[in-house]
Amino acid sequence: MGNLALLTAEPRRAEAMRNWRYIALHTIAAAAFIFIVQRYALKATLESSLLWALALGACAAGLAFSQSNR
């Protein structure tokens, strides 16, 4: 199951799914990281932490998307 591209009839489609999975993972990791830094290290409010996590998660998604299309 690790090499799904060899098992499918359309290898490009499996490759695209891998790219979207990478983008989602990058987005979630960046949002979680900034939330933890804001909330616990900088003692920010919950609203502020969520707002920063959403904003930087979106930036991370854009960056991962542009990198995956190189």
Protein backbone atom coordinates (compact mmCIF):
# COMPACT_ATOMS: atom_id res chain seq x y z
CA MET A 1 0.00 0.00 0.00
CA GLY A 2 3.05 2.24 0.28
CA ASN A 3 3.54 2.52 -3.46
CA LEU A 4 0.04 3.34 -4.65
CA ALA A 5 1.27 4.87 -7.93
CA LEU A 6 2.30 1.45 -9.26
CA LEU A 7 -1.09 -0.10 -8.49
CA THR A 8 -3.33 2.45 -10.17
CA ALA A 9 -4.16 2.79 -13.83
CA GLU A 10 -3.47 6.55 -13.65
CA PRO A 11 -0.13 7.18 -11.90
CA ARG A 12 -0.48 10.97 -12.26
CA ARG A 13 -3.69 10.90 -10.23
CA ALA A 14 -2.02 9.05 -7.34
CA GLU A 15 0.85 11.52 -7.51
CA ALA A 16 -1.61 14.40 -7.26
CA MET A 17 -3.20 12.84 -4.16
CA ARG A 18 0.24 12.61 -2.59
CA ASN A 19 0.76 16.32 -3.30
CA TRP A 20 -2.56 17.29 -1.68
CA ARG A 21 -1.74 15.13 1.33
CA TYR A 22 1.62 16.89 1.63
CA ILE A 23 -0.06 20.31 1.40
CA ALA A 24 -2.61 19.40 4.08
CA LEU A 25 0.08 18.03 6.38
CA HIS A 26 2.18 21.16 5.93
CA THR A 27 -0.83 23.38 6.67
CA ILE A 28 -1.84 21.50 9.82
CA ALA A 29 1.72 21.34 11.15
CA ALA A 30 2.30 25.08 10.65
CA ALA A 31 -1.05 26.03 12.17
CA ALA A 32 -0.53 23.78 15.19
CA PHE A 33 3.00 25.09 15.72
CA ILE A 34 2.02 28.75 15.64
CA PHE A 35 -1.02 28.08 17.84
CA ILE A 36 1.15 26.44 20.51
CA VAL A 37 3.75 29.21 20.34
CA GLN A 38 1.13 31.96 20.55
CA ARG A 39 -1.02 30.34 23.22
CA TYR A 40 1.55 28.90 25.60
CA ALA A 41 4.89 30.58 24.97
CA LEU A 42 3.58 34.11 24.34
CA LYS A 43 0.48 33.78 26.59
CA ALA A 44 -1.87 35.20 23.92
CA THR A 45 -5.64 34.93 24.07
CA LEU A 46 -7.44 32.01 22.47
CA GLU A 47 -8.98 34.22 19.77
CA SER A 48 -5.65 35.76 18.87
CA SER A 49 -3.94 32.37 18.78
CA LEU A 50 -6.61 30.90 16.52
CA LEU A 51 -6.47 33.89 14.20
CA TRP A 52 -2.71 33.66 13.84
CA ALA A 53 -2.91 29.89 13.34
CA LEU A 54 -5.50 30.33 10.60
CA ALA A 55 -3.52 33.07 8.86
CA LEU A 56 -0.16 31.30 8.95
CA GLY A 57 -1.77 27.96 8.10
CA ALA A 58 -3.14 29.56 4.94
CA CYS A 59 0.30 30.98 4.13
CA ALA A 60 1.85 27.55 4.67
CA ALA A 61 -0.74 26.00 2.36
CA GLY A 62 0.08 28.53 -0.33
CA LEU A 63 3.79 27.90 0.06
CA ALA A 64 3.39 24.11 -0.05
CA PHE A 65 1.14 24.39 -3.11
CA SER A 66 3.66 26.54 -4.97
CA GLN A 67 6.49 24.19 -4.04
CA SER A 68 4.59 21.10 -5.14
CA ASN A 69 3.96 22.60 -8.58
CA ARG A 70 7.62 23.25 -9.34
